[in-house]
PDB file of N, CA and C in Angstrom:
ATOM      1  N   PHE A   1      21.132  34.678 -10.079  1.00  0.00           N
ATOM      2  CA  PHE A   1      20.595  34.136  -8.857  1.00  0.00           C
ATOM      3  C   PHE A   1      21.715  33.514  -8.043  1.00  0.00           C
ATOM      4  N   ASP A   2      21.706  33.785  -6.756  1.00  0.00           N
ATOM      5  CA  ASP A   2      22.702  33.197  -5.860  1.00  0.00           C
ATOM      6  C   ASP A   2      22.112  31.919  -5.270  1.00  0.00           C
ATOM      7  N   LEU A   3      22.640  30.797  -5.680  1.00  0.00           N
ATOM      8  CA  LEU A   3      22.152  29.501  -5.206  1.00  0.00           C
ATOM      9  C   LEU A   3      23.114  28.877  -4.198  1.00  0.00           C
ATOM     10  N   SER A   4      23.993  29.672  -3.627  1.00  0.00           N
ATOM     11  CA  SER A   4      25.003  29.129  -2.729  1.00  0.00           C
ATOM     12  C   SER A   4      24.425  28.595  -1.428  1.00  0.00           C
ATOM     13  N   GLU A   5      23.261  29.057  -1.027  1.00  0.00           N
ATOM     14  CA  GLU A   5      22.656  28.576   0.218  1.00  0.00           C
ATOM     15  C   GLU A   5      21.362  27.793  -0.026  1.00  0.00           C
ATOM     16  N   VAL A   6      21.246  27.233  -1.215  1.00  0.00           N
ATOM     17  CA  VAL A   6      20.063  26.473  -1.578  1.00  0.00           C
ATOM     18  C   VAL A   6      20.364  24.988  -1.435  1.00  0.00           C
ATOM     19  N   LEU A   7      19.415  24.259  -0.895  1.00  0.00           N
ATOM     20  CA  LEU A   7      19.534  22.813  -0.740  1.00  0.00           C
ATOM     21  C   LEU A   7      18.571  22.156  -1.719  1.00  0.00           C
ATOM     22  N   PHE A   8      19.102  21.348  -2.608  1.00  0.00           N
ATOM     23  CA  PHE A   8      18.278  20.617  -3.558  1.00  0.00           C
ATOM     24  C   PHE A   8      18.076  19.205  -3.022  1.00  0.00           C
ATOM     25  N   ILE A   9      16.835  18.754  -3.036  1.00  0.00           N
ATOM     26  CA  ILE A   9      16.517  17.399  -2.589  1.00  0.00           C
ATOM     27  C   ILE A   9      15.855  16.675  -3.756  1.00  0.00           C
ATOM     28  N   SER A  10      16.319  15.476  -4.012  1.00  0.00           N
ATOM     29  CA  SER A  10      15.775  14.679  -5.091  1.00  0.00           C
ATOM     30  C   SER A  10      15.637  13.242  -4.619  1.00  0.00           C
ATOM     31  N   THR A  11      14.749  12.503  -5.238  1.00  0.00           N
ATOM     32  CA  THR A  11      14.584  11.092  -4.891  1.00  0.00           C
ATOM     33  C   THR A  11      14.813  10.233  -6.136  1.00  0.00           C
ATOM     34  N   ALA A  12      15.218   9.007  -5.902  1.00  0.00           N
ATOM     35  CA  ALA A  12      15.409   8.052  -6.992  1.00  0.00           C
ATOM     36  C   ALA A  12      15.263   6.647  -6.427  1.00  0.00           C
ATOM     37  N   ASN A  13      14.572   5.808  -7.158  1.00  0.00           N
ATOM     38  CA  ASN A  13      14.462   4.410  -6.756  1.00  0.00           C
ATOM     39  C   ASN A  13      15.734   3.646  -7.097  1.00  0.00           C
ATOM     40  N   ASN A  14      16.455   4.131  -8.106  1.00  0.00           N
ATOM     41  CA  ASN A  14      17.635   3.445  -8.579  1.00  0.00           C
ATOM     42  C   ASN A  14      18.663   4.493  -9.005  1.00  0.00           C
ATOM     43  N   THR A  15      19.870   4.412  -8.471  1.00  0.00           N
ATOM     44  CA  THR A  15      20.903   5.389  -8.819  1.00  0.00           C
ATOM     45  C   THR A  15      21.857   4.871  -9.890  1.00  0.00           C
ATOM     46  N   ASN A  16      21.599   3.719 -10.453  1.00  0.00           N
ATOM     47  CA  ASN A  16      22.504   3.138 -11.453  1.00  0.00           C
ATOM     48  C   ASN A  16      22.588   3.962 -12.732  1.00  0.00           C
ATOM     49  N   ASN A  17      21.519   4.659 -13.089  1.00  0.00           N
ATOM     50  CA  ASN A  17      21.507   5.419 -14.335  1.00  0.00           C
ATOM     51  C   ASN A  17      21.994   6.855 -14.170  1.00  0.00           C
ATOM     52  N   ILE A  18      22.370   7.252 -12.967  1.00  0.00           N
ATOM     53  CA  ILE A  18      22.898   8.596 -12.731  1.00  0.00           C
ATOM     54  C   ILE A  18      24.394   8.560 -13.036  1.00  0.00           C
ATOM     55  N   SER A  19      24.845   9.495 -13.843  1.00  0.00           N
ATOM     56  CA  SER A  19      26.265   9.491 -14.230  1.00  0.00           C
ATOM     57  C   SER A  19      27.149   9.692 -13.002  1.00  0.00           C
ATOM     58  N   THR A  20      28.347   9.154 -13.079  1.00  0.00           N
ATOM     59  CA  THR A  20      29.269   9.243 -11.939  1.00  0.00           C
ATOM     60  C   THR A  20      29.673  10.684 -11.657  1.00  0.00           C
ATOM     61  N   ALA A  21      29.741  11.528 -12.704  1.00  0.00           N
ATOM     62  CA  ALA A  21      30.087  12.941 -12.492  1.00  0.00           C
ATOM     63  C   ALA A  21      29.020  13.639 -11.654  1.00  0.00           C
ATOM     64  N   VAL A  22      27.776  13.328 -11.909  1.00  0.00           N
ATOM     65  CA  VAL A  22      26.683  13.924 -11.124  1.00  0.00           C
ATOM     66  C   VAL A  22      26.632  13.286  -9.743  1.00  0.00           C
ATOM     67  N   LEU A  23      26.776  11.976  -9.686  1.00  0.00           N
ATOM     68  CA  LEU A  23      26.698  11.269  -8.416  1.00  0.00           C
ATOM     69  C   LEU A  23      27.812  11.693  -7.457  1.00  0.00           C
ATOM     70  N   ASP A  24      28.978  12.074  -7.992  1.00  0.00           N
ATOM     71  CA  ASP A  24      30.078  12.557  -7.144  1.00  0.00           C
ATOM     72  C   ASP A  24      29.741  13.868  -6.447  1.00  0.00           C
ATOM     73  N   ARG A  25      28.839  14.632  -7.016  1.00  0.00           N
ATOM     74  CA  ARG A  25      28.469  15.923  -6.443  1.00  0.00           C
ATOM     75  C   ARG A  25      27.265  15.819  -5.501  1.00  0.00           C
ATOM     76  N   LEU A  26      26.753  14.625  -5.333  1.00  0.00           N
ATOM     77  CA  LEU A  26      25.575  14.404  -4.483  1.00  0.00           C
ATOM     78  C   LEU A  26      25.969  13.750  -3.167  1.00  0.00           C
ATOM     79  N   GLU A  27      25.116  13.883  -2.207  1.00  0.00           N
ATOM     80  CA  GLU A  27      25.250  13.178  -0.929  1.00  0.00           C
ATOM     81  C   GLU A  27      24.084  12.194  -0.830  1.00  0.00           C
ATOM     82  N   PRO A  28      24.250  10.982  -1.360  1.00  0.00           N
ATOM     83  CA  PRO A  28      23.139  10.023  -1.323  1.00  0.00           C
ATOM     84  C   PRO A  28      22.807   9.596   0.110  1.00  0.00           C
ATOM     85  N   ILE A  29      21.544   9.589   0.403  1.00  0.00           N
ATOM     86  CA  ILE A  29      21.043   9.102   1.690  1.00  0.00           C
ATOM     87  C   ILE A  29      20.125   7.929   1.371  1.00  0.00           C
ATOM     88  N   GLU A  30      20.515   6.753   1.769  1.00  0.00           N
ATOM     89  CA  GLU A  30      19.704   5.575   1.471  1.00  0.00           C
ATOM     90  C   GLU A  30      18.665   5.373   2.564  1.00  0.00           C
ATOM     91  N   MET A  31      17.449   5.153   2.134  1.00  0.00           N
ATOM     92  CA  MET A  31      16.344   4.916   3.057  1.00  0.00           C
ATOM     93  C   MET A  31      15.949   3.442   2.953  1.00  0.00           C
ATOM     94  N   PRO A  32      15.925   2.750   4.061  1.00  0.00           N
ATOM     95  CA  PRO A  32      15.536   1.333   3.988  1.00  0.00           C
ATOM     96  C   PRO A  32      14.048   1.193   3.676  1.00  0.00           C
ATOM     97  N   SER A  33      13.698   0.058   3.113  1.00  0.00           N
ATOM     98  CA  SER A  33      12.294  -0.188   2.808  1.00  0.00           C
ATOM     99  C   SER A  33      11.537  -0.548   4.080  1.00  0.00           C
ATOM    100  N   TYR A  34      10.229  -0.529   3.973  1.00  0.00           N
ATOM    101  CA  TYR A  34       9.399  -0.902   5.108  1.00  0.00           C
ATOM    102  C   TYR A  34       9.541  -2.396   5.407  1.00  0.00           C
ATOM    103  N   THR A  35       9.496  -2.751   6.678  1.00  0.00           N
ATOM    104  CA  THR A  35       9.465  -4.161   7.054  1.00  0.00           C
ATOM    105  C   THR A  35       8.029  -4.656   6.924  1.00  0.00           C
ATOM    106  N   ASP A  36       7.856  -5.961   6.938  1.00  0.00           N
ATOM    107  CA  ASP A  36       6.502  -6.514   6.839  1.00  0.00           C
ATOM    108  C   ASP A  36       5.624  -6.073   8.002  1.00  0.00           C
ATOM    109  N   SER A  37       6.185  -6.011   9.191  1.00  0.00           N
ATOM    110  CA  SER A  37       5.377  -5.589  10.344  1.00  0.00           C
ATOM    111  C   SER A  37       4.988  -4.117  10.227  1.00  0.00           C
ATOM    112  N   GLU A  38       5.871  -3.281   9.664  1.00  0.00           N
ATOM    113  CA  GLU A  38       5.523  -1.871   9.450  1.00  0.00           C
ATOM    114  C   GLU A  38       4.434  -1.737   8.397  1.00  0.00           C
ATOM    115  N   LYS A  39       4.547  -2.512   7.324  1.00  0.00           N
ATOM    116  CA  LYS A  39       3.514  -2.489   6.285  1.00  0.00           C
ATOM    117  C   LYS A  39       2.174  -2.951   6.841  1.00  0.00           C
ATOM    118  N   MET A  40       2.215  -3.975   7.698  1.00  0.00           N
ATOM    119  CA  MET A  40       0.985  -4.478   8.286  1.00  0.00           C
ATOM    120  C   MET A  40       0.322  -3.403   9.145  1.00  0.00           C
ATOM    121  N   ALA A  41       1.109  -2.710   9.948  1.00  0.00           N
ATOM    122  CA  ALA A  41       0.574  -1.644  10.795  1.00  0.00           C
ATOM    123  C   ALA A  41       0.025  -0.503   9.943  1.00  0.00           C
ATOM    124  N   ILE A  42       0.734  -0.118   8.893  1.00  0.00           N
ATOM    125  CA  ILE A  42       0.266   0.951   8.010  1.00  0.00           C
ATOM    126  C   ILE A  42      -1.017   0.525   7.312  1.00  0.00           C
ATOM    127  N   GLY A  43      -1.056  -0.709   6.816  1.00  0.00           N
ATOM    128  CA  GLY A  43      -2.242  -1.207   6.126  1.00  0.00           C
ATOM    129  C   GLY A  43      -3.460  -1.266   7.025  1.00  0.00           C
ATOM    130  N   LYS A  44      -3.290  -1.854   8.207  1.00  0.00           N
ATOM    131  CA  LYS A  44      -4.411  -2.018   9.145  1.00  0.00           C
ATOM    132  C   LYS A  44      -4.898  -0.694   9.716  1.00  0.00           C
ATOM    133  N   ASN A  45      -3.950   0.111  10.191  1.00  0.00           N
ATOM    134  CA  ASN A  45      -4.311   1.289  10.974  1.00  0.00           C
ATOM    135  C   ASN A  45      -4.521   2.549  10.155  1.00  0.00           C
ATOM    136  N   TYR A  46      -4.029   2.576   8.930  1.00  0.00           N
ATOM    137  CA  TYR A  46      -4.172   3.801   8.153  1.00  0.00           C
ATOM    138  C   TYR A  46      -4.830   3.568   6.794  1.00  0.00           C
ATOM    139  N   LEU A  47      -4.210   2.738   5.944  1.00  0.00           N
ATOM    140  CA  LEU A  47      -4.704   2.586   4.578  1.00  0.00           C
ATOM    141  C   LEU A  47      -6.112   2.007   4.514  1.00  0.00           C
ATOM    142  N   LEU A  48      -6.386   0.977   5.291  1.00  0.00           N
ATOM    143  CA  LEU A  48      -7.718   0.371   5.279  1.00  0.00           C
ATOM    144  C   LEU A  48      -8.762   1.362   5.761  1.00  0.00           C
ATOM    145  N   GLN A  49      -8.464   2.054   6.859  1.00  0.00           N
ATOM    146  CA  GLN A  49      -9.425   3.018   7.410  1.00  0.00           C
ATOM    147  C   GLN A  49      -9.681   4.155   6.423  1.00  0.00           C
ATOM    148  N   LYS A  50      -8.612   4.658   5.812  1.00  0.00           N
ATOM    149  CA  LYS A  50      -8.723   5.766   4.859  1.00  0.00           C
ATOM    150  C   LYS A  50      -9.550   5.342   3.647  1.00  0.00           C
ATOM    151  N   THR A  51      -9.257   4.177   3.097  1.00  0.00           N
ATOM    152  CA  THR A  51      -9.956   3.698   1.909  1.00  0.00           C
ATOM    153  C   THR A  51     -11.424   3.421   2.205  1.00  0.00           C
ATOM    154  N   MET A  52     -11.694   2.801   3.349  1.00  0.00           N
ATOM    155  CA  MET A  52     -13.085   2.527   3.709  1.00  0.00           C
ATOM    156  C   MET A  52     -13.858   3.827   3.899  1.00  0.00           C
ATOM    157  N   SER A  53     -13.239   4.804   4.504  1.00  0.00           N
ATOM    158  CA  SER A  53     -13.888   6.092   4.711  1.00  0.00           C
ATOM    159  C   SER A  53     -14.192   6.776   3.376  1.00  0.00           C
ATOM    160  N   LEU A  54     -13.247   6.732   2.449  1.00  0.00           N
ATOM    161  CA  LEU A  54     -13.454   7.355   1.137  1.00  0.00           C
ATOM    162  C   LEU A  54     -14.592   6.704   0.357  1.00  0.00           C
ATOM    163  N   MET A  55     -14.793   5.411   0.568  1.00  0.00           N
ATOM    164  CA  MET A  55     -15.794   4.678  -0.192  1.00  0.00           C
ATOM    165  C   MET A  55     -17.100   4.478   0.573  1.00  0.00           C
ATOM    166  N   GLY A  56     -17.196   5.062   1.752  1.00  0.00           N
ATOM    167  CA  GLY A  56     -18.432   4.972   2.512  1.00  0.00           C
ATOM    168  C   GLY A  56     -18.675   3.621   3.153  1.00  0.00           C
ATOM    169  N   ILE A  57     -17.638   2.863   3.378  1.00  0.00           N
ATOM    170  CA  ILE A  57     -17.744   1.543   4.004  1.00  0.00           C
ATOM    171  C   ILE A  57     -17.395   1.700   5.486  1.00  0.00           C
ATOM    172  N   THR A  58     -18.190   1.095   6.355  1.00  0.00           N
ATOM    173  CA  THR A  58     -17.932   1.190   7.788  1.00  0.00           C
ATOM    174  C   THR A  58     -17.285  -0.093   8.311  1.00  0.00           C
ATOM    175  N   GLN A  59     -16.883  -0.050   9.576  1.00  0.00           N
ATOM    176  CA  GLN A  59     -16.287  -1.226  10.219  1.00  0.00           C
ATOM    177  C   GLN A  59     -17.265  -2.400  10.241  1.00  0.00           C
ATOM    178  N   ASN A  60     -18.565  -2.106  10.257  1.00  0.00           N
ATOM    179  CA  ASN A  60     -19.565  -3.172  10.270  1.00  0.00           C
ATOM    180  C   ASN A  60     -19.637  -3.909   8.932  1.00  0.00           C
ATOM    181  N   HIS A  61     -19.243  -3.242   7.856  1.00  0.00           N
ATOM    182  CA  HIS A  61     -19.328  -3.850   6.536  1.00  0.00           C
ATOM    183  C   HIS A  61     -18.174  -4.795   6.227  1.00  0.00           C
ATOM    184  N   LEU A  62     -16.968  -4.497   6.729  1.00  0.00           N
ATOM    185  CA  LEU A  62     -15.792  -5.276   6.341  1.00  0.00           C
ATOM    186  C   LEU A  62     -14.880  -5.519   7.528  1.00  0.00           C
ATOM    187  N   THR A  63     -14.545  -6.785   7.734  1.00  0.00           N
ATOM    188  CA  THR A  63     -13.525  -7.153   8.720  1.00  0.00           C
ATOM    189  C   THR A  63     -12.533  -8.093   8.039  1.00  0.00           C
ATOM    190  N   ILE A  64     -11.267  -7.940   8.411  1.00  0.00           N
ATOM    191  CA  ILE A  64     -10.205  -8.758   7.818  1.00  0.00           C
ATOM    192  C   ILE A  64      -9.461  -9.454   8.947  1.00  0.00           C
ATOM    193  N   ASP A  65      -9.346 -10.786   8.854  1.00  0.00           N
ATOM    194  CA  ASP A  65      -8.623 -11.557   9.865  1.00  0.00           C
ATOM    195  C   ASP A  65      -7.145 -11.170   9.885  1.00  0.00           C
ATOM    196  N   ASP A  66      -6.529 -11.291  11.059  1.00  0.00           N
ATOM    197  CA  ASP A  66      -5.114 -10.958  11.201  1.00  0.00           C
ATOM    198  C   ASP A  66      -4.209 -11.869  10.380  1.00  0.00           C
ATOM    199  N   ASP A  67      -4.577 -13.132  10.211  1.00  0.00           N
ATOM    200  CA  ASP A  67      -3.716 -14.042   9.456  1.00  0.00           C
ATOM    201  C   ASP A  67      -3.798 -13.820   7.942  1.00  0.00           C
ATOM    202  N   VAL A  68      -4.668 -12.935   7.498  1.00  0.00           N
ATOM    203  CA  VAL A  68      -4.784 -12.599   6.077  1.00  0.00           C
ATOM    204  C   VAL A  68      -3.764 -11.531   5.673  1.00  0.00           C
ATOM    205  N   TRP A  69      -3.385 -10.672   6.615  1.00  0.00           N
ATOM    206  CA  TRP A  69      -2.516  -9.534   6.294  1.00  0.00           C
ATOM    207  C   TRP A  69      -1.176  -9.925   5.685  1.00  0.00           C
ATOM    208  N   PRO A  70      -0.479 -10.968   6.175  1.00  0.00           N
ATOM    209  CA  PRO A  70       0.778 -11.332   5.506  1.00  0.00           C
ATOM    210  C   PRO A  70       0.592 -11.716   4.040  1.00  0.00           C
ATOM    211  N   ILE A  71      -0.546 -12.287   3.698  1.00  0.00           N
ATOM    212  CA  ILE A  71      -0.825 -12.660   2.313  1.00  0.00           C
ATOM    213  C   ILE A  71      -1.115 -11.415   1.482  1.00  0.00           C
ATOM    214  N   ILE A  72      -1.803 -10.457   2.070  1.00  0.00           N
ATOM    215  CA  ILE A  72      -2.106  -9.205   1.368  1.00  0.00           C
ATOM    216  C   ILE A  72      -0.819  -8.410   1.128  1.00  0.00           C
ATOM    217  N   ILE A  73       0.073  -8.422   2.103  1.00  0.00           N
ATOM    218  CA  ILE A  73       1.299  -7.633   2.010  1.00  0.00           C
ATOM    219  C   ILE A  73       2.243  -8.158   0.939  1.00  0.00           C
ATOM    220  N   ARG A  74       2.353  -9.470   0.811  1.00  0.00           N
ATOM    221  CA  ARG A  74       3.293 -10.060  -0.159  1.00  0.00           C
ATOM    222  C   ARG A  74       2.593 -10.980  -1.151  1.00  0.00           C
ATOM    223  N   PRO A  75       1.671 -10.443  -1.937  1.00  0.00           N
ATOM    224  CA  PRO A  75       1.001 -11.339  -2.884  1.00  0.00           C
ATOM    225  C   PRO A  75       1.887 -11.746  -4.053  1.00  0.00           C
ATOM    226  N   LEU A  76       2.784 -10.866  -4.472  1.00  0.00           N
ATOM    227  CA  LEU A  76       3.606 -11.139  -5.649  1.00  0.00           C
ATOM    228  C   LEU A  76       5.099 -11.107  -5.343  1.00  0.00           C
ATOM    229  N   GLY A  77       5.487 -11.184  -4.104  1.00  0.00           N
ATOM    230  CA  GLY A  77       6.898 -11.133  -3.758  1.00  0.00           C
ATOM    231  C   GLY A  77       7.243  -9.847  -3.042  1.00  0.00           C
ATOM    232  N   PHE A  78       8.508  -9.470  -3.115  1.00  0.00           N
ATOM    233  CA  PHE A  78       8.995  -8.330  -2.352  1.00  0.00           C
ATOM    234  C   PHE A  78       8.652  -7.013  -3.030  1.00  0.00           C
ATOM    235  N   ASP A  79       8.062  -6.121  -2.284  1.00  0.00           N
ATOM    236  CA  ASP A  79       7.787  -4.760  -2.724  1.00  0.00           C
ATOM    237  C   ASP A  79       8.211  -3.850  -1.590  1.00  0.00           C
ATOM    238  N   SER A  80       9.192  -2.995  -1.831  1.00  0.00           N
ATOM    239  CA  SER A  80       9.766  -2.202  -0.741  1.00  0.00           C
ATOM    240  C   SER A  80       8.824  -1.124  -0.229  1.00  0.00           C
ATOM    241  N   GLY A  81       7.958  -0.620  -1.067  1.00  0.00           N
ATOM    242  CA  GLY A  81       7.054   0.450  -0.665  1.00  0.00           C
ATOM    243  C   GLY A  81       5.679  -0.065  -0.298  1.00  0.00           C
ATOM    244  N   ILE A  82       4.721   0.853  -0.278  1.00  0.00           N
ATOM    245  CA  ILE A  82       3.363   0.464   0.088  1.00  0.00           C
ATOM    246  C   ILE A  82       2.354   0.782  -1.013  1.00  0.00           C
ATOM    247  N   ARG A  83       2.836   1.170  -2.193  1.00  0.00           N
ATOM    248  CA  ARG A  83       1.899   1.490  -3.283  1.00  0.00           C
ATOM    249  C   ARG A  83       1.063   0.289  -3.695  1.00  0.00           C
ATOM    250  N   SER A  84       1.702  -0.862  -3.862  1.00  0.00           N
ATOM    251  CA  SER A  84       0.930  -2.047  -4.264  1.00  0.00           C
ATOM    252  C   SER A  84       0.010  -2.498  -3.134  1.00  0.00           C
ATOM    253  N   LEU A  85       0.436  -2.320  -1.886  1.00  0.00           N
ATOM    254  CA  LEU A  85      -0.431  -2.635  -0.750  1.00  0.00           C
ATOM    255  C   LEU A  85      -1.667  -1.738  -0.774  1.00  0.00           C
ATOM    256  N   GLU A  86      -1.464  -0.468  -1.052  1.00  0.00           N
ATOM    257  CA  GLU A  86      -2.593   0.466  -1.113  1.00  0.00           C
ATOM    258  C   GLU A  86      -3.538   0.102  -2.260  1.00  0.00           C
ATOM    259  N   ARG A  87      -2.991  -0.298  -3.411  1.00  0.00           N
ATOM    260  CA  ARG A  87      -3.834  -0.718  -4.530  1.00  0.00           C
ATOM    261  C   ARG A  87      -4.625  -1.972  -4.187  1.00  0.00           C
ATOM    262  N   THR A  88      -3.991  -2.916  -3.507  1.00  0.00           N
ATOM    263  CA  THR A  88      -4.669  -4.161  -3.134  1.00  0.00           C
ATOM    264  C   THR A  88      -5.811  -3.880  -2.161  1.00  0.00           C
ATOM    265  N   ILE A  89      -5.542  -3.072  -1.140  1.00  0.00           N
ATOM    266  CA  ILE A  89      -6.577  -2.736  -0.159  1.00  0.00           C
ATOM    267  C   ILE A  89      -7.718  -1.986  -0.833  1.00  0.00           C
ATOM    268  N   SER A  90      -7.383  -1.052  -1.701  1.00  0.00           N
ATOM    269  CA  SER A  90      -8.402  -0.288  -2.408  1.00  0.00           C
ATOM    270  C   SER A  90      -9.275  -1.206  -3.267  1.00  0.00           C
ATOM    271  N   GLY A  91      -8.656  -2.162  -3.935  1.00  0.00           N
ATOM    272  CA  GLY A  91      -9.415  -3.118  -4.742  1.00  0.00           C
ATOM    273  C   GLY A  91     -10.332  -3.981  -3.904  1.00  0.00           C
ATOM    274  N   MET A  92      -9.862  -4.392  -2.729  1.00  0.00           N
ATOM    275  CA  MET A  92     -10.696  -5.205  -1.832  1.00  0.00           C
ATOM    276  C   MET A  92     -11.914  -4.409  -1.361  1.00  0.00           C
ATOM    277  N   VAL A  93     -11.697  -3.171  -0.979  1.00  0.00           N
ATOM    278  CA  VAL A  93     -12.801  -2.341  -0.481  1.00  0.00           C
ATOM    279  C   VAL A  93     -13.782  -2.041  -1.612  1.00  0.00           C
ATOM    280  N   ARG A  94     -13.286  -1.820  -2.830  1.00  0.00           N
ATOM    281  CA  ARG A  94     -14.180  -1.593  -3.966  1.00  0.00           C
ATOM    282  C   ARG A  94     -15.055  -2.812  -4.230  1.00  0.00           C
ATOM    283  N   LYS A  95     -14.458  -4.014  -4.099  1.00  0.00           N
ATOM    284  CA  LYS A  95     -15.252  -5.232  -4.305  1.00  0.00           C
ATOM    285  C   LYS A  95     -16.350  -5.350  -3.257  1.00  0.00           C
ATOM    286  N   VAL A  96     -16.022  -5.002  -2.015  1.00  0.00           N
ATOM    287  CA  VAL A  96     -17.035  -5.030  -0.958  1.00  0.00           C
ATOM    288  C   VAL A  96     -18.122  -4.001  -1.246  1.00  0.00           C
ATOM    289  N   ALA A  97     -17.735  -2.812  -1.663  1.00  0.00           N
ATOM    290  CA  ALA A  97     -18.725  -1.771  -1.982  1.00  0.00           C
ATOM    291  C   ALA A  97     -19.645  -2.237  -3.111  1.00  0.00           C
ATOM    292  N   LYS A  98     -19.075  -2.887  -4.123  1.00  0.00           N
ATOM    293  CA  LYS A  98     -19.886  -3.380  -5.237  1.00  0.00           C
ATOM    294  C   LYS A  98     -20.868  -4.447  -4.755  1.00  0.00           C
ATOM    295  N   LYS A  99     -20.385  -5.346  -3.887  1.00  0.00           N
ATOM    296  CA  LYS A  99     -21.264  -6.397  -3.358  1.00  0.00           C
ATOM    297  C   LYS A  99     -22.406  -5.801  -2.539  1.00  0.00           C
ATOM    298  N   ILE A 100     -22.129  -4.742  -1.802  1.00  0.00           N
ATOM    299  CA  ILE A 100     -23.180  -4.089  -1.011  1.00  0.00           C
ATOM    300  C   ILE A 100     -24.207  -3.446  -1.940  1.00  0.00           C
ATOM    301  N   VAL A 101     -23.735  -2.748  -2.964  1.00  0.00           N
ATOM    302  CA  VAL A 101     -24.635  -2.054  -3.893  1.00  0.00           C
ATOM    303  C   VAL A 101     -25.475  -3.044  -4.694  1.00  0.00           C
ATOM    304  N   THR A 102     -24.890  -4.184  -5.075  1.00  0.00           N
ATOM    305  CA  THR A 102     -25.639  -5.163  -5.866  1.00  0.00           C
ATOM    306  C   THR A 102     -26.512  -6.078  -5.008  1.00  0.00           C
ATOM    307  N   GLY A 103     -26.507  -5.863  -3.700  1.00  0.00           N
ATOM    308  CA  GLY A 103     -27.385  -6.622  -2.821  1.00  0.00           C
ATOM    309  C   GLY A 103     -26.876  -7.997  -2.443  1.00  0.00           C
ATOM    310  N   GLU A 104     -25.572  -8.243  -2.545  1.00  0.00           N
ATOM    311  CA  GLU A 104     -25.021  -9.558  -2.206  1.00  0.00           C
ATOM    312  C   GLU A 104     -24.771  -9.714  -0.711  1.00  0.00           C
ATOM    313  N   GLY A 105     -24.996  -8.672   0.061  1.00  0.00           N
ATOM    314  CA  GLY A 105     -24.805  -8.739   1.498  1.00  0.00           C
ATOM    315  C   GLY A 105     -24.468  -7.374   2.058  1.00  0.00           C
ATOM    316  N   THR A 106     -24.384  -7.311   3.398  1.00  0.00           N
ATOM    317  CA  THR A 106     -24.037  -6.049   4.043  1.00  0.00           C
ATOM    318  C   THR A 106     -22.827  -6.186   4.949  1.00  0.00           C
ATOM    319  N   GLN A 107     -22.474  -7.415   5.313  1.00  0.00           N
ATOM    320  CA  GLN A 107     -21.310  -7.649   6.164  1.00  0.00           C
ATOM    321  C   GLN A 107     -20.427  -8.698   5.508  1.00  0.00           C
ATOM    322  N   PHE A 108     -19.134  -8.372   5.416  1.00  0.00           N
ATOM    323  CA  PHE A 108     -18.195  -9.276   4.770  1.00  0.00           C
ATOM    324  C   PHE A 108     -17.001  -9.491   5.679  1.00  0.00           C
ATOM    325  N   HIS A 109     -16.604 -10.744   5.807  1.00  0.00           N
ATOM    326  CA  HIS A 109     -15.495 -11.143   6.663  1.00  0.00           C
ATOM    327  C   HIS A 109     -14.460 -11.833   5.783  1.00  0.00           C
ATOM    328  N   VAL A 110     -13.275 -11.232   5.664  1.00  0.00           N
ATOM    329  CA  VAL A 110     -12.225 -11.788   4.808  1.00  0.00           C
ATOM    330  C   VAL A 110     -11.369 -12.733   5.641  1.00  0.00           C
ATOM    331  N   THR A 111     -11.282 -13.982   5.186  1.00  0.00           N
ATOM    332  CA  THR A 111     -10.470 -15.008   5.842  1.00  0.00           C
ATOM    333  C   THR A 111      -9.499 -15.577   4.809  1.00  0.00           C
ATOM    334  N   THR A 112      -8.624 -16.455   5.251  1.00  0.00           N
ATOM    335  CA  THR A 112      -7.698 -17.091   4.303  1.00  0.00           C
ATOM    336  C   THR A 112      -8.445 -17.986   3.319  1.00  0.00           C
ATOM    337  N   ASP A 113      -9.612 -18.473   3.707  1.00  0.00           N
ATOM    338  CA  ASP A 113     -10.384 -19.353   2.830  1.00  0.00           C
ATOM    339  C   ASP A 113     -11.061 -18.599   1.689  1.00  0.00           C
ATOM    340  N   ASN A 114     -11.557 -17.386   1.957  1.00  0.00           N
ATOM    341  CA  ASN A 114     -12.291 -16.646   0.928  1.00  0.00           C
ATOM    342  C   ASN A 114     -11.519 -15.446   0.376  1.00  0.00           C
ATOM    343  N   LEU A 115     -10.250 -15.333   0.709  1.00  0.00           N
ATOM    344  CA  LEU A 115      -9.450 -14.171   0.308  1.00  0.00           C
ATOM    345  C   LEU A 115      -9.412 -13.983  -1.205  1.00  0.00           C
ATOM    346  N   LYS A 116      -9.323 -15.079  -1.965  1.00  0.00           N
ATOM    347  CA  LYS A 116      -9.201 -14.972  -3.414  1.00  0.00           C
ATOM    348  C   LYS A 116     -10.394 -14.258  -4.049  1.00  0.00           C
ATOM    349  N   SER A 117     -11.552 -14.328  -3.424  1.00  0.00           N
ATOM    350  CA  SER A 117     -12.704 -13.648  -3.988  1.00  0.00           C
ATOM    351  C   SER A 117     -12.707 -12.150  -3.705  1.00  0.00           C
ATOM    352  N   PHE A 118     -11.824 -11.694  -2.819  1.00  0.00           N
ATOM    353  CA  PHE A 118     -11.739 -10.275  -2.486  1.00  0.00           C
ATOM    354  C   PHE A 118     -10.503  -9.583  -3.061  1.00  0.00           C
ATOM    355  N   ILE A 119      -9.443 -10.358  -3.326  1.00  0.00           N
ATOM    356  CA  ILE A 119      -8.216  -9.771  -3.860  1.00  0.00           C
ATOM    357  C   ILE A 119      -8.452  -9.375  -5.309  1.00  0.00           C
ATOM    358  N   PRO A 120      -8.120  -8.145  -5.682  1.00  0.00           N
ATOM    359  CA  PRO A 120      -8.288  -7.746  -7.086  1.00  0.00           C
ATOM    360  C   PRO A 120      -7.284  -8.444  -7.985  1.00  0.00           C
ATOM    361  N   THR A 121      -7.679  -8.701  -9.202  1.00  0.00           N
ATOM    362  CA  THR A 121      -6.768  -9.275 -10.174  1.00  0.00           C
ATOM    363  C   THR A 121      -6.371  -8.182 -11.144  1.00  0.00           C
ATOM    364  N   TRP A 122      -5.096  -8.014 -11.346  1.00  0.00           N
ATOM    365  CA  TRP A 122      -4.615  -6.925 -12.217  1.00  0.00           C
ATOM    366  C   TRP A 122      -4.243  -7.476 -13.564  1.00  0.00           C
TER     367      TRP A 122
END
């Protein structure tokens, strides 16, 4: 096989364990992590809507105050990606869905005062 015109792309969270002989043959491209404002926009405008849609929850069922988002984004410190943000949002929406199914209410408003009852515990 002639691989002379093939481009290999690989990802790594950490390049410390890659041997120097291999690393010398690579062209590392570092991608910066998301900023808090980018995570907030992704969480509000995409992840929350997607998760609510998947679970059959409408805008009337769940509203989240703007001052809650910084707490949701950094519950345990710095996380460069959005996987933990997606897990947190998914857990919050699941709790709301459970409350709706068990008859605890139909509309839920997440504030800084009641956030702990909606944040999932891992």
